[in-house]
Amino acid sequence: MTFSLRALEALRAVAETGSYAAAARQIGITQPGISQQVRKLEAQYGIAFFVREQGRLRPTPLCERVCDAAERVITEHQTLEQMLVRHGSLAKGELSVGLGNAMPGMSVIAAFNKAYPHVSLQVTTGSHDKIMRQVINHTVDVGILPEVPKDGRFRRKELLTNHVVAIVALSHPLAQNDAVNCEELLDQRLIFRTSGSSTQKVLDRYFRRHTVAPSPFLTLDTRDGVYEAVVNGLGIGFVWRTGTGRNDDVKQLQLLGADTTSTETVFAPVEREMETLNALFRLVETMPLR
């Protein structure tokens, strides 16, 4: 047996007002509609919710307990509805963003916050594979990543072209150069990212095109870990050229001999329809592709 939210609202209105007519005026439906909802509940469960006294309907003790519970159910329903409406609203909405790189994602978030200051933003960072899973599973509303598959699952907007570069400490002998080739890299201690990293996906492709498969001296799971290892002289690391603004203590070197280019892309599941998400894509449309 089931009962509807409308039936609980009707029951509560009759209990508060003492008549079907007054209850109908209170919640804005017809008197026959009110009486039908209440009598259907009574027939369904084989109970009487009201007794008539001096022309008024007085709720039974059971009816009073049911109305107390109904009040909680109706309040929770209203809270849930407001939560869903506000989630995508530009007035009091929310938007969750998954980033693989701090930049250019943070510049997009800053521009969106400036345009829509009342939207609450939640930002998740992580590996390429982690953010992809979160977007696909709707754990986050939108992702900003390189190496996004071009398929029908996503609405997408390309943001900028990026490159994987090598980074060395300023004291490293190669820091006097602007570029490094594969042969030179093979003579160095290399610091790799774990396999879920978009940086590592491009780097692995770079070495495959040179038909080599070097073993790393060190494998780290975060970009910050790579920077710290490089700054402390542990070897050569690899990052996206515009992946961060932190470049004062390292030297970036172009990788020669094969393409390490990818495009940072804003993407979301095609079925994800939200006012806040649509506003983000409109904003990104105005941002120049670099």
Protein backbone atom coordinates (compact mmCIF):
# COMPACT_ATOMS: atom_id res chain seq x y z
CA MET A 1 0.00 0.00 0.00
CA THR A 2 1.22 3.53 -0.77
CA PHE A 3 0.08 7.07 -0.15
CA SER A 4 0.92 10.25 -1.99
CA LEU A 5 2.37 13.52 -0.75
CA ARG A 6 -0.82 15.23 -1.93
CA ALA A 7 -2.91 12.94 0.29
CA LEU A 8 -0.76 13.82 3.33
CA GLU A 9 -1.14 17.53 2.56
CA ALA A 10 -4.91 17.11 2.29
CA LEU A 11 -5.11 15.22 5.58
CA ARG A 12 -3.02 17.81 7.39
CA ALA A 13 -5.10 20.70 5.98
CA VAL A 14 -8.37 19.14 7.11
CA ALA A 15 -6.94 18.52 10.58
CA GLU A 16 -5.82 22.15 10.84
CA THR A 17 -9.01 23.79 9.49
CA GLY A 18 -11.73 21.41 10.67
CA SER A 19 -13.54 21.13 7.33
CA TYR A 20 -13.07 20.00 3.76
CA ALA A 21 -14.11 23.40 2.39
CA ALA A 22 -11.59 25.35 4.48
CA ALA A 23 -8.86 22.85 3.71
CA ALA A 24 -9.59 23.18 -0.01
CA ARG A 25 -9.19 26.97 0.21
CA GLN A 26 -5.96 26.62 2.19
CA ILE A 27 -4.11 24.43 -0.30
CA GLY A 28 -5.85 25.58 -3.47
CA ILE A 29 -7.69 22.51 -4.73
CA THR A 30 -11.41 21.64 -4.91
CA GLN A 31 -13.43 20.45 -1.93
CA PRO A 32 -14.28 17.15 -3.68
CA GLY A 33 -10.59 16.67 -4.32
CA ILE A 34 -9.78 17.10 -0.63
CA SER A 35 -12.50 14.75 0.58
CA GLN A 36 -11.57 12.16 -2.03
CA GLN A 37 -7.91 12.13 -0.89
CA VAL A 38 -8.84 11.74 2.79
CA ARG A 39 -11.53 9.11 2.24
CA LYS A 40 -9.22 7.14 -0.02
CA LEU A 41 -6.65 7.01 2.79
CA GLU A 42 -9.30 5.95 5.30
CA ALA A 43 -10.56 3.20 3.00
CA GLN A 44 -7.06 2.04 2.11
CA TYR A 45 -6.06 1.49 5.74
CA GLY A 46 -9.52 0.76 7.23
CA ILE A 47 -9.40 3.62 9.75
CA ALA A 48 -11.25 6.86 10.49
CA PHE A 49 -9.14 9.99 10.81
CA PHE A 50 -11.88 12.34 12.00
CA VAL A 51 -14.98 12.48 14.16
CA ARG A 52 -17.61 15.17 13.60
CA GLU A 53 -18.34 17.44 16.54
CA GLN A 54 -20.62 20.49 16.34
CA GLY A 55 -20.22 20.68 12.58
CA ARG A 56 -16.41 20.43 12.62
CA LEU A 57 -14.09 17.55 11.82
CA ARG A 58 -11.98 16.76 14.87
CA PRO A 59 -8.81 14.68 14.26
CA THR A 60 -8.51 11.44 16.17
CA PRO A 61 -5.35 10.82 18.26
CA LEU A 62 -4.06 8.60 15.45
CA CYS A 63 -4.71 11.36 12.92
CA GLU A 64 -2.74 13.82 15.05
CA ARG A 65 0.24 11.45 15.14
CA VAL A 66 0.01 10.89 11.38
CA CYS A 67 -0.14 14.65 10.78
CA ASP A 68 2.97 15.19 12.90
CA ALA A 69 4.81 12.61 10.78
CA ALA A 70 3.34 14.10 7.59
CA GLU A 71 4.68 17.52 8.57
CA ARG A 72 8.21 16.10 8.71
CA VAL A 73 7.77 14.30 5.38
CA ILE A 74 6.43 17.43 3.65
CA THR A 75 9.22 19.59 5.09
CA GLU A 76 11.90 17.15 3.90
CA HIS A 77 10.29 17.03 0.47
CA GLN A 78 10.37 20.83 0.24
CA THR A 79 14.00 20.89 1.37
CA LEU A 80 14.92 18.30 -1.24
CA GLU A 81 13.11 20.22 -3.97
CA GLN A 82 14.90 23.46 -3.04
CA MET A 83 18.22 21.63 -3.03
CA LEU A 84 17.65 20.32 -6.55
CA VAL A 85 16.42 23.67 -7.87
CA ARG A 86 19.25 25.63 -6.30
CA HIS A 87 21.90 23.16 -7.47
CA GLY A 88 21.71 24.50 -10.99
CA SER A 89 20.49 28.03 -10.30
CA LEU A 90 22.61 31.08 -11.02
CA ALA A 91 21.01 32.84 -8.04
CA LYS A 92 21.87 30.34 -5.30
CA GLY A 93 23.23 27.38 -7.17
CA GLU A 94 26.24 25.12 -6.96
CA LEU A 95 28.78 23.92 -9.49
CA SER A 96 31.44 21.28 -8.91
CA VAL A 97 34.55 21.27 -11.11
CA GLY A 98 37.24 18.63 -11.49
CA LEU A 99 40.73 19.83 -12.48
CA GLY A 100 43.71 17.88 -13.69
CA ASN A 101 45.94 20.97 -13.77
CA ALA A 102 45.73 24.08 -11.61
CA MET A 103 46.03 26.16 -14.78
CA PRO A 104 44.16 26.93 -16.95
CA GLY A 105 41.33 25.53 -14.84
CA MET A 106 41.68 28.09 -12.06
CA SER A 107 41.51 30.96 -14.56
CA VAL A 108 38.19 29.57 -15.82
CA ILE A 109 36.89 29.22 -12.26
CA ALA A 110 37.97 32.77 -11.41
CA ALA A 111 36.20 34.16 -14.49
CA PHE A 112 33.04 32.22 -13.66
CA ASN A 113 33.08 33.39 -10.05
CA LYS A 114 33.42 37.00 -11.20
CA ALA A 115 30.47 36.62 -13.58
CA TYR A 116 28.27 34.62 -11.19
CA PRO A 117 29.35 35.43 -7.61
CA HIS A 118 26.30 33.80 -5.98
CA VAL A 119 27.09 30.33 -7.30
CA SER A 120 28.90 28.14 -4.78
CA LEU A 121 31.94 26.46 -6.36
CA GLN A 122 33.44 23.14 -5.31
CA VAL A 123 36.79 22.24 -6.87
CA THR A 124 38.34 18.78 -6.94
CA THR A 125 41.87 18.13 -8.20
CA GLY A 126 43.38 14.81 -9.15
CA SER A 127 44.83 12.62 -11.84
CA HIS A 128 43.40 12.45 -15.35
CA ASP A 129 41.78 9.07 -14.71
CA LYS A 130 40.27 10.20 -11.40
CA ILE A 131 38.63 13.31 -12.87
CA MET A 132 37.38 11.38 -15.90
CA ARG A 133 35.66 8.87 -13.59
CA GLN A 134 34.12 11.62 -11.51
CA VAL A 135 32.68 13.41 -14.55
CA ILE A 136 31.30 10.19 -16.03
CA ASN A 137 29.78 9.17 -12.68
CA HIS A 138 28.36 12.69 -12.07
CA THR A 139 30.46 13.06 -8.92
CA VAL A 140 31.50 16.41 -10.37
CA ASP A 141 29.46 18.47 -12.83
CA VAL A 142 32.24 19.43 -15.23
CA GLY A 143 35.90 18.62 -15.82
CA ILE A 144 38.83 20.53 -17.28
CA LEU A 145 41.50 18.17 -18.60
CA PRO A 146 43.86 17.50 -21.50
CA GLU A 147 43.55 14.24 -23.44
CA VAL A 148 39.73 14.10 -23.30
CA PRO A 149 38.31 11.44 -25.65
CA LYS A 150 36.40 12.84 -28.63
CA ASP A 151 33.22 10.82 -28.41
CA GLY A 152 29.49 11.29 -28.04
CA ARG A 153 29.44 11.01 -24.25
CA PHE A 154 30.55 14.61 -23.74
CA ARG A 155 29.69 18.17 -24.59
CA ARG A 156 33.03 19.89 -24.87
CA LYS A 157 34.84 23.14 -25.54
CA GLU A 158 38.54 23.30 -26.29
CA LEU A 159 40.21 25.88 -24.10
CA LEU A 160 43.88 26.05 -25.06
CA THR A 161 46.70 24.04 -26.57
CA ASN A 162 49.22 22.80 -24.03
CA HIS A 163 52.56 20.96 -24.18
CA VAL A 164 54.37 18.58 -21.90
CA VAL A 165 57.83 19.95 -21.09
CA ALA A 166 60.78 18.72 -19.07
CA ILE A 167 61.73 20.63 -15.94
CA VAL A 168 65.15 20.77 -14.32
CA ALA A 169 66.52 22.51 -11.25
CA LEU A 170 68.23 25.85 -11.96
CA SER A 171 71.52 24.29 -10.89
CA HIS A 172 71.20 21.39 -13.36
CA PRO A 173 73.68 21.41 -16.31
CA LEU A 174 70.78 21.33 -18.80
CA ALA A 175 69.25 24.48 -17.27
CA GLN A 176 71.35 26.58 -19.66
CA ASN A 177 69.39 25.10 -22.59
CA ASP A 178 65.87 25.79 -23.86
CA ALA A 179 65.22 22.28 -25.18
CA VAL A 180 66.27 18.67 -24.73
CA ASN A 181 66.12 15.67 -27.05
CA CYS A 182 65.29 12.06 -26.32
CA GLU A 183 68.91 10.91 -26.44
CA GLU A 184 69.91 13.48 -23.81
CA LEU A 185 67.00 12.43 -21.60
CA LEU A 186 68.09 8.81 -21.64
CA ASP A 187 71.36 9.83 -19.95
CA GLN A 188 69.51 11.43 -17.03
CA ARG A 189 67.61 10.28 -13.97
CA LEU A 190 63.96 10.60 -14.98
CA ILE A 191 61.04 11.34 -12.68
CA PHE A 192 57.71 10.00 -13.95
CA ARG A 193 54.10 10.36 -12.84
CA THR A 194 51.86 7.37 -12.14
CA SER A 195 49.99 5.83 -15.08
CA GLY A 196 46.70 7.67 -14.39
CA SER A 197 48.34 11.03 -15.11
CA SER A 198 47.64 12.87 -18.38
CA THR A 199 51.25 14.11 -18.32
CA GLN A 200 52.51 10.55 -18.21
CA LYS A 201 50.17 9.46 -21.03
CA VAL A 202 51.73 12.08 -23.33
CA LEU A 203 55.27 11.31 -22.14
CA ASP A 204 54.81 7.58 -22.74
CA ARG A 205 53.66 8.42 -26.27
CA TYR A 206 56.73 10.61 -26.77
CA PHE A 207 59.10 7.77 -25.86
CA ARG A 208 57.16 5.21 -27.94
CA ARG A 209 57.67 7.41 -30.99
CA HIS A 210 61.38 7.14 -30.32
CA THR A 211 61.02 3.36 -29.84
CA VAL A 212 62.45 3.49 -26.34
CA ALA A 213 60.98 2.65 -22.95
CA PRO A 214 63.18 4.19 -20.24
CA SER A 215 62.79 3.14 -16.63
CA PRO A 216 62.19 6.03 -14.22
CA PHE A 217 64.49 6.75 -11.34
CA LEU A 218 61.44 7.86 -9.36
CA THR A 219 57.66 7.64 -9.86
CA LEU A 220 55.39 10.10 -8.05
CA ASP A 221 51.63 10.48 -7.90
CA THR A 222 51.37 14.29 -7.69
CA ARG A 223 52.62 17.26 -9.68
CA ASP A 224 53.84 18.94 -6.49
CA GLY A 225 55.87 15.85 -5.69
CA VAL A 226 57.56 16.08 -9.09
CA TYR A 227 58.42 19.75 -8.53
CA GLU A 228 59.89 19.09 -5.11
CA ALA A 229 61.95 16.18 -6.38
CA VAL A 230 63.30 18.27 -9.27
CA VAL A 231 64.08 21.30 -7.09
CA ASN A 232 65.97 19.02 -4.71
CA GLY A 233 68.16 17.70 -7.52
CA LEU A 234 66.72 14.19 -7.84
CA GLY A 235 66.39 14.30 -11.62
CA ILE A 236 64.36 15.59 -14.57
CA GLY A 237 60.60 15.79 -14.26
CA PHE A 238 57.80 16.43 -16.74
CA VAL A 239 54.79 18.75 -16.48
CA TRP A 240 52.31 20.62 -18.63
CA ARG A 241 53.79 23.94 -19.78
CA THR A 242 50.91 25.97 -18.32
CA GLY A 243 49.95 23.47 -15.63
CA THR A 244 50.95 25.81 -12.81
CA GLY A 245 52.24 29.30 -12.15
CA ARG A 246 55.09 27.90 -10.07
CA ASN A 247 58.13 28.20 -12.33
CA ASP A 248 60.60 30.44 -10.48
CA ASP A 249 62.77 27.60 -9.16
CA VAL A 250 62.84 25.33 -12.24
CA LYS A 251 63.72 25.68 -15.92
CA GLN A 252 61.29 24.39 -18.52
CA LEU A 253 62.79 22.59 -21.53
CA GLN A 254 60.98 21.84 -24.77
CA LEU A 255 60.97 18.16 -25.73
CA LEU A 256 62.46 17.76 -29.21
CA GLY A 257 61.82 15.09 -31.80
CA ALA A 258 58.11 14.35 -31.32
CA ASP A 259 54.87 16.17 -30.66
CA THR A 260 53.87 16.54 -26.98
CA THR A 261 50.86 18.73 -27.66
CA SER A 262 47.39 18.25 -26.24
CA THR A 263 44.34 20.46 -25.80
CA GLU A 264 42.89 21.46 -22.44
CA THR A 265 39.17 20.81 -22.73
CA VAL A 266 36.13 21.77 -20.69
CA PHE A 267 33.73 18.83 -20.80
CA ALA A 268 30.61 17.40 -19.18
CA PRO A 269 28.23 14.51 -19.87
CA VAL A 270 25.80 15.36 -22.66
CA GLU A 271 22.84 14.46 -20.44
CA ARG A 272 23.92 16.89 -17.70
CA GLU A 273 21.51 19.84 -17.97
CA MET A 274 22.03 22.64 -15.45
CA GLU A 275 21.71 26.41 -15.66
CA THR A 276 25.09 26.84 -13.99
CA LEU A 277 26.73 24.39 -16.38
CA ASN A 278 25.24 26.11 -19.42
CA ALA A 279 26.52 29.44 -18.11
CA LEU A 280 30.03 28.01 -17.73
CA PHE A 281 30.07 26.79 -21.33
CA ARG A 282 28.79 30.15 -22.56
CA LEU A 283 31.59 31.84 -20.64
CA VAL A 284 34.23 29.51 -22.06
CA GLU A 285 32.96 30.28 -25.57
CA THR A 286 34.12 33.88 -25.04
CA MET A 287 37.59 32.88 -23.83
CA PRO A 288 40.20 32.94 -26.61
CA LEU A 289 41.82 29.62 -27.57
CA ARG A 290 45.57 29.94 -27.11
